[in-house]
Amino acid sequence: GKKIATDEAFREAVVPSWYDFSISRPKSAWTRQELHEQLVQVQRDLHERAIRGEFSPEKIDQMRRHFDGVNPEDDEHGWGKLHPGLDDDEDIED
């Protein structure tokens, strides 16, 4: 079984083509260099946001309570809350 799964030449010789359900392995979406560049870009963006003061304690508390892009004033039923069971004055544990 392992040889059939790993050895392509053996699989072609022994397993008939109508019975071979193996699929080709897809090419990776990113190269290591592209992934590294993306991680560096995310780190740079977070650093710049921290310098601008986007991570103040009040803003972090708001980020922990509501999904991104949801205006808490327009969310009358509370569907945009990350923790719908908690009131606004309750503490969120880390």
N, C-alpha and C. Protein backbone atom coordinates (compact mmCIF):
# COMPACT_ATOMS: atom_id res chain seq x y z
N GLY A 1 0.80 -1.19 0.00
CA GLY A 1 0.00 0.00 0.00
C GLY A 1 0.85 1.27 0.00
N LYS A 2 1.91 1.28 0.85
CA LYS A 2 2.74 2.49 0.93
C LYS A 2 3.51 2.69 -0.37
N LYS A 3 3.98 1.58 -0.96
CA LYS A 3 4.75 1.70 -2.19
C LYS A 3 3.85 2.22 -3.32
N ILE A 4 2.61 1.77 -3.36
CA ILE A 4 1.67 2.25 -4.38
C ILE A 4 1.41 3.75 -4.18
N ALA A 5 1.35 4.16 -2.92
CA ALA A 5 1.05 5.57 -2.64
C ALA A 5 2.23 6.48 -2.94
N THR A 6 3.46 6.00 -2.74
CA THR A 6 4.62 6.88 -2.86
C THR A 6 5.40 6.71 -4.16
N ASP A 7 5.40 5.54 -4.75
CA ASP A 7 6.21 5.28 -5.94
C ASP A 7 5.34 5.40 -7.19
N GLU A 8 5.49 6.49 -7.92
CA GLU A 8 4.64 6.74 -9.08
C GLU A 8 4.89 5.74 -10.21
N ALA A 9 6.15 5.38 -10.44
CA ALA A 9 6.47 4.42 -11.50
C ALA A 9 5.85 3.05 -11.19
N PHE A 10 5.92 2.62 -9.94
CA PHE A 10 5.32 1.34 -9.54
C PHE A 10 3.80 1.41 -9.69
N ARG A 11 3.20 2.52 -9.31
CA ARG A 11 1.75 2.68 -9.42
C ARG A 11 1.31 2.60 -10.89
N GLU A 12 2.07 3.23 -11.79
CA GLU A 12 1.72 3.18 -13.22
C GLU A 12 1.85 1.78 -13.77
N ALA A 13 2.82 0.98 -13.27
CA ALA A 13 3.04 -0.37 -13.77
C ALA A 13 2.00 -1.35 -13.23
N VAL A 14 1.55 -1.18 -11.99
CA VAL A 14 0.71 -2.18 -11.34
C VAL A 14 -0.77 -1.81 -11.35
N VAL A 15 -1.08 -0.56 -11.09
CA VAL A 15 -2.48 -0.14 -10.96
C VAL A 15 -3.00 0.31 -12.32
N PRO A 16 -4.13 -0.27 -12.78
CA PRO A 16 -4.69 0.16 -14.06
C PRO A 16 -5.15 1.62 -14.01
N SER A 17 -5.12 2.29 -15.13
CA SER A 17 -5.45 3.72 -15.17
C SER A 17 -6.91 3.97 -14.76
N TRP A 18 -7.81 3.04 -15.04
CA TRP A 18 -9.21 3.24 -14.68
C TRP A 18 -9.44 3.11 -13.18
N TYR A 19 -8.45 2.56 -12.45
CA TYR A 19 -8.57 2.37 -11.01
C TYR A 19 -7.73 3.36 -10.21
N ASP A 20 -6.96 4.19 -10.92
CA ASP A 20 -6.07 5.13 -10.25
C ASP A 20 -6.82 6.43 -9.96
N PHE A 21 -7.17 6.63 -8.70
CA PHE A 21 -7.91 7.82 -8.28
C PHE A 21 -7.01 8.86 -7.63
N SER A 22 -5.70 8.71 -7.79
CA SER A 22 -4.79 9.66 -7.17
C SER A 22 -4.86 11.00 -7.89
N ILE A 23 -4.64 12.06 -7.14
CA ILE A 23 -4.66 13.40 -7.72
C ILE A 23 -3.27 14.00 -7.60
N SER A 24 -2.96 14.90 -8.51
CA SER A 24 -1.65 15.53 -8.45
C SER A 24 -1.64 16.56 -7.34
N ARG A 25 -0.51 16.70 -6.69
CA ARG A 25 -0.39 17.64 -5.59
C ARG A 25 -0.36 19.06 -6.16
N PRO A 26 -1.23 19.94 -5.64
CA PRO A 26 -1.26 21.30 -6.18
C PRO A 26 -0.01 22.09 -5.80
N LYS A 27 0.33 23.03 -6.66
CA LYS A 27 1.47 23.89 -6.39
C LYS A 27 1.12 24.80 -5.22
N SER A 28 2.07 25.06 -4.36
CA SER A 28 1.83 25.90 -3.20
C SER A 28 1.38 27.28 -3.65
N ALA A 29 0.46 27.87 -2.88
CA ALA A 29 -0.05 29.19 -3.23
C ALA A 29 1.02 30.26 -3.10
N TRP A 30 1.91 30.11 -2.13
CA TRP A 30 2.96 31.08 -1.90
C TRP A 30 4.32 30.40 -1.89
N THR A 31 5.31 31.11 -2.35
CA THR A 31 6.67 30.65 -2.13
C THR A 31 7.08 31.11 -0.74
N ARG A 32 8.18 30.59 -0.25
CA ARG A 32 8.65 31.00 1.08
C ARG A 32 8.96 32.50 1.10
N GLN A 33 9.52 33.00 0.01
CA GLN A 33 9.85 34.42 -0.08
C GLN A 33 8.59 35.28 -0.03
N GLU A 34 7.54 34.89 -0.77
CA GLU A 34 6.30 35.65 -0.76
C GLU A 34 5.65 35.64 0.62
N LEU A 35 5.67 34.49 1.29
CA LEU A 35 5.10 34.39 2.63
C LEU A 35 5.88 35.26 3.61
N HIS A 36 7.21 35.23 3.49
CA HIS A 36 8.05 36.06 4.35
C HIS A 36 7.75 37.55 4.13
N GLU A 37 7.65 37.96 2.87
CA GLU A 37 7.34 39.35 2.56
C GLU A 37 5.98 39.76 3.12
N GLN A 38 5.01 38.87 3.06
CA GLN A 38 3.69 39.17 3.60
C GLN A 38 3.75 39.32 5.13
N LEU A 39 4.48 38.46 5.80
CA LEU A 39 4.62 38.56 7.26
C LEU A 39 5.33 39.86 7.66
N VAL A 40 6.37 40.23 6.92
CA VAL A 40 7.08 41.47 7.21
C VAL A 40 6.14 42.66 7.01
N GLN A 41 5.31 42.63 5.96
CA GLN A 41 4.36 43.71 5.70
C GLN A 41 3.34 43.83 6.83
N VAL A 42 2.85 42.70 7.33
CA VAL A 42 1.88 42.73 8.43
C VAL A 42 2.54 43.30 9.68
N GLN A 43 3.78 42.90 9.97
CA GLN A 43 4.50 43.44 11.12
C GLN A 43 4.69 44.95 10.99
N ARG A 44 5.04 45.40 9.80
CA ARG A 44 5.25 46.83 9.55
C ARG A 44 3.94 47.60 9.74
N ASP A 45 2.84 47.05 9.22
CA ASP A 45 1.54 47.72 9.37
C ASP A 45 1.13 47.81 10.84
N LEU A 46 1.32 46.73 11.60
CA LEU A 46 0.99 46.76 13.02
C LEU A 46 1.85 47.76 13.77
N HIS A 47 3.12 47.83 13.41
CA HIS A 47 4.04 48.78 14.05
C HIS A 47 3.59 50.22 13.77
N GLU A 48 3.24 50.51 12.51
CA GLU A 48 2.79 51.85 12.16
C GLU A 48 1.47 52.20 12.85
N ARG A 49 0.57 51.22 12.97
CA ARG A 49 -0.69 51.48 13.67
C ARG A 49 -0.43 51.74 15.15
N ALA A 50 0.52 51.05 15.74
CA ALA A 50 0.84 51.27 17.15
C ALA A 50 1.43 52.67 17.35
N ILE A 51 2.25 53.11 16.42
CA ILE A 51 2.83 54.46 16.51
C ILE A 51 1.72 55.51 16.42
N ARG A 52 0.72 55.28 15.56
CA ARG A 52 -0.38 56.23 15.41
C ARG A 52 -1.34 56.21 16.62
N GLY A 53 -1.18 55.25 17.50
CA GLY A 53 -2.01 55.19 18.70
C GLY A 53 -3.31 54.43 18.53
N GLU A 54 -3.36 53.53 17.57
CA GLU A 54 -4.59 52.77 17.34
C GLU A 54 -4.81 51.67 18.37
N PHE A 55 -3.84 51.42 19.22
CA PHE A 55 -3.96 50.35 20.20
C PHE A 55 -3.99 50.90 21.62
N SER A 56 -4.70 51.98 21.81
CA SER A 56 -4.88 52.53 23.15
C SER A 56 -5.80 51.57 23.93
N PRO A 57 -5.77 51.60 25.25
CA PRO A 57 -6.61 50.68 26.04
C PRO A 57 -8.11 50.78 25.70
N GLU A 58 -8.60 51.98 25.41
CA GLU A 58 -10.01 52.12 25.08
C GLU A 58 -10.33 51.47 23.74
N LYS A 59 -9.45 51.66 22.75
CA LYS A 59 -9.69 51.07 21.44
C LYS A 59 -9.53 49.56 21.46
N ILE A 60 -8.59 49.05 22.26
CA ILE A 60 -8.42 47.60 22.38
C ILE A 60 -9.66 47.00 23.02
N ASP A 61 -10.21 47.66 24.03
CA ASP A 61 -11.43 47.16 24.68
C ASP A 61 -12.58 47.12 23.68
N GLN A 62 -12.67 48.14 22.83
CA GLN A 62 -13.73 48.15 21.82
C GLN A 62 -13.50 47.04 20.79
N MET A 63 -12.24 46.80 20.41
CA MET A 63 -11.93 45.73 19.46
C MET A 63 -12.30 44.37 20.03
N ARG A 64 -12.13 44.19 21.33
CA ARG A 64 -12.45 42.91 21.95
C ARG A 64 -13.95 42.70 22.10
N ARG A 65 -14.74 43.75 22.01
CA ARG A 65 -16.17 43.62 22.23
C ARG A 65 -16.98 43.51 20.93
N HIS A 66 -16.53 44.10 19.83
CA HIS A 66 -17.32 44.13 18.59
C HIS A 66 -16.47 43.67 17.41
N PHE A 67 -17.14 43.04 16.45
CA PHE A 67 -16.48 42.65 15.22
C PHE A 67 -16.04 43.88 14.46
N ASP A 68 -14.99 43.73 13.65
CA ASP A 68 -14.48 44.84 12.86
C ASP A 68 -15.53 45.27 11.84
N GLY A 69 -15.73 46.56 11.73
CA GLY A 69 -16.68 47.10 10.76
C GLY A 69 -18.10 47.23 11.28
N VAL A 70 -18.35 46.81 12.52
CA VAL A 70 -19.69 46.92 13.10
C VAL A 70 -19.75 48.15 13.98
N ASN A 71 -20.70 49.01 13.72
CA ASN A 71 -20.88 50.19 14.55
C ASN A 71 -21.75 49.81 15.74
N PRO A 72 -21.23 49.90 16.97
CA PRO A 72 -22.00 49.47 18.14
C PRO A 72 -23.31 50.24 18.33
N GLU A 73 -23.36 51.50 17.87
CA GLU A 73 -24.58 52.28 18.03
C GLU A 73 -25.69 51.80 17.08
N ASP A 74 -25.32 51.28 15.91
CA ASP A 74 -26.30 50.82 14.93
C ASP A 74 -26.68 49.35 15.10
N ASP A 75 -26.06 48.67 16.03
CA ASP A 75 -26.29 47.23 16.23
C ASP A 75 -27.31 47.04 17.35
N GLU A 76 -28.61 47.19 17.00
CA GLU A 76 -29.64 47.20 18.03
C GLU A 76 -29.86 45.84 18.68
N HIS A 77 -29.59 44.75 17.98
CA HIS A 77 -29.81 43.42 18.55
C HIS A 77 -28.54 42.81 19.14
N GLY A 78 -27.40 43.43 18.93
CA GLY A 78 -26.16 42.93 19.49
C GLY A 78 -25.52 41.80 18.72
N TRP A 79 -25.85 41.65 17.42
CA TRP A 79 -25.27 40.56 16.63
C TRP A 79 -23.80 40.81 16.31
N GLY A 80 -23.33 42.03 16.43
CA GLY A 80 -21.95 42.34 16.12
C GLY A 80 -21.00 42.17 17.29
N LYS A 81 -21.51 41.72 18.42
CA LYS A 81 -20.66 41.53 19.60
C LYS A 81 -19.91 40.21 19.50
N LEU A 82 -18.67 40.22 19.97
CA LEU A 82 -17.90 38.98 20.03
C LEU A 82 -18.42 38.07 21.14
N HIS A 83 -18.86 38.68 22.25
CA HIS A 83 -19.40 37.95 23.39
C HIS A 83 -20.80 38.46 23.66
N PRO A 84 -21.82 37.95 22.95
CA PRO A 84 -23.17 38.52 23.06
C PRO A 84 -23.76 38.44 24.46
N GLY A 85 -23.33 37.51 25.29
CA GLY A 85 -23.90 37.37 26.62
C GLY A 85 -23.39 38.38 27.63
N LEU A 86 -22.33 39.11 27.30
CA LEU A 86 -21.76 40.06 28.25
C LEU A 86 -22.34 41.44 28.03
N ASP A 87 -22.58 42.12 29.14
CA ASP A 87 -23.00 43.53 29.06
C ASP A 87 -21.79 44.40 28.77
N ASP A 88 -22.04 45.64 28.37
CA ASP A 88 -20.95 46.54 28.01
C ASP A 88 -20.07 46.90 29.20
N ASP A 89 -20.62 46.83 30.42
CA ASP A 89 -19.83 47.21 31.58
C ASP A 89 -19.10 46.03 32.21
N GLU A 90 -19.30 44.81 31.73
CA GLU A 90 -18.61 43.63 32.27
C GLU A 90 -17.21 43.53 31.69
N ASP A 91 -16.29 42.99 32.47
CA ASP A 91 -14.92 42.80 32.03
C ASP A 91 -14.81 41.55 31.16
N ILE A 92 -13.95 41.63 30.15
CA ILE A 92 -13.68 40.48 29.29
C ILE A 92 -12.35 39.91 29.73
N GLU A 93 -12.35 38.61 30.05
CA GLU A 93 -11.11 37.96 30.47
C GLU A 93 -10.25 37.67 29.25
N ASP A 94 -8.94 37.73 29.42
CA ASP A 94 -8.03 37.44 28.30
C ASP A 94 -7.97 35.98 28.00
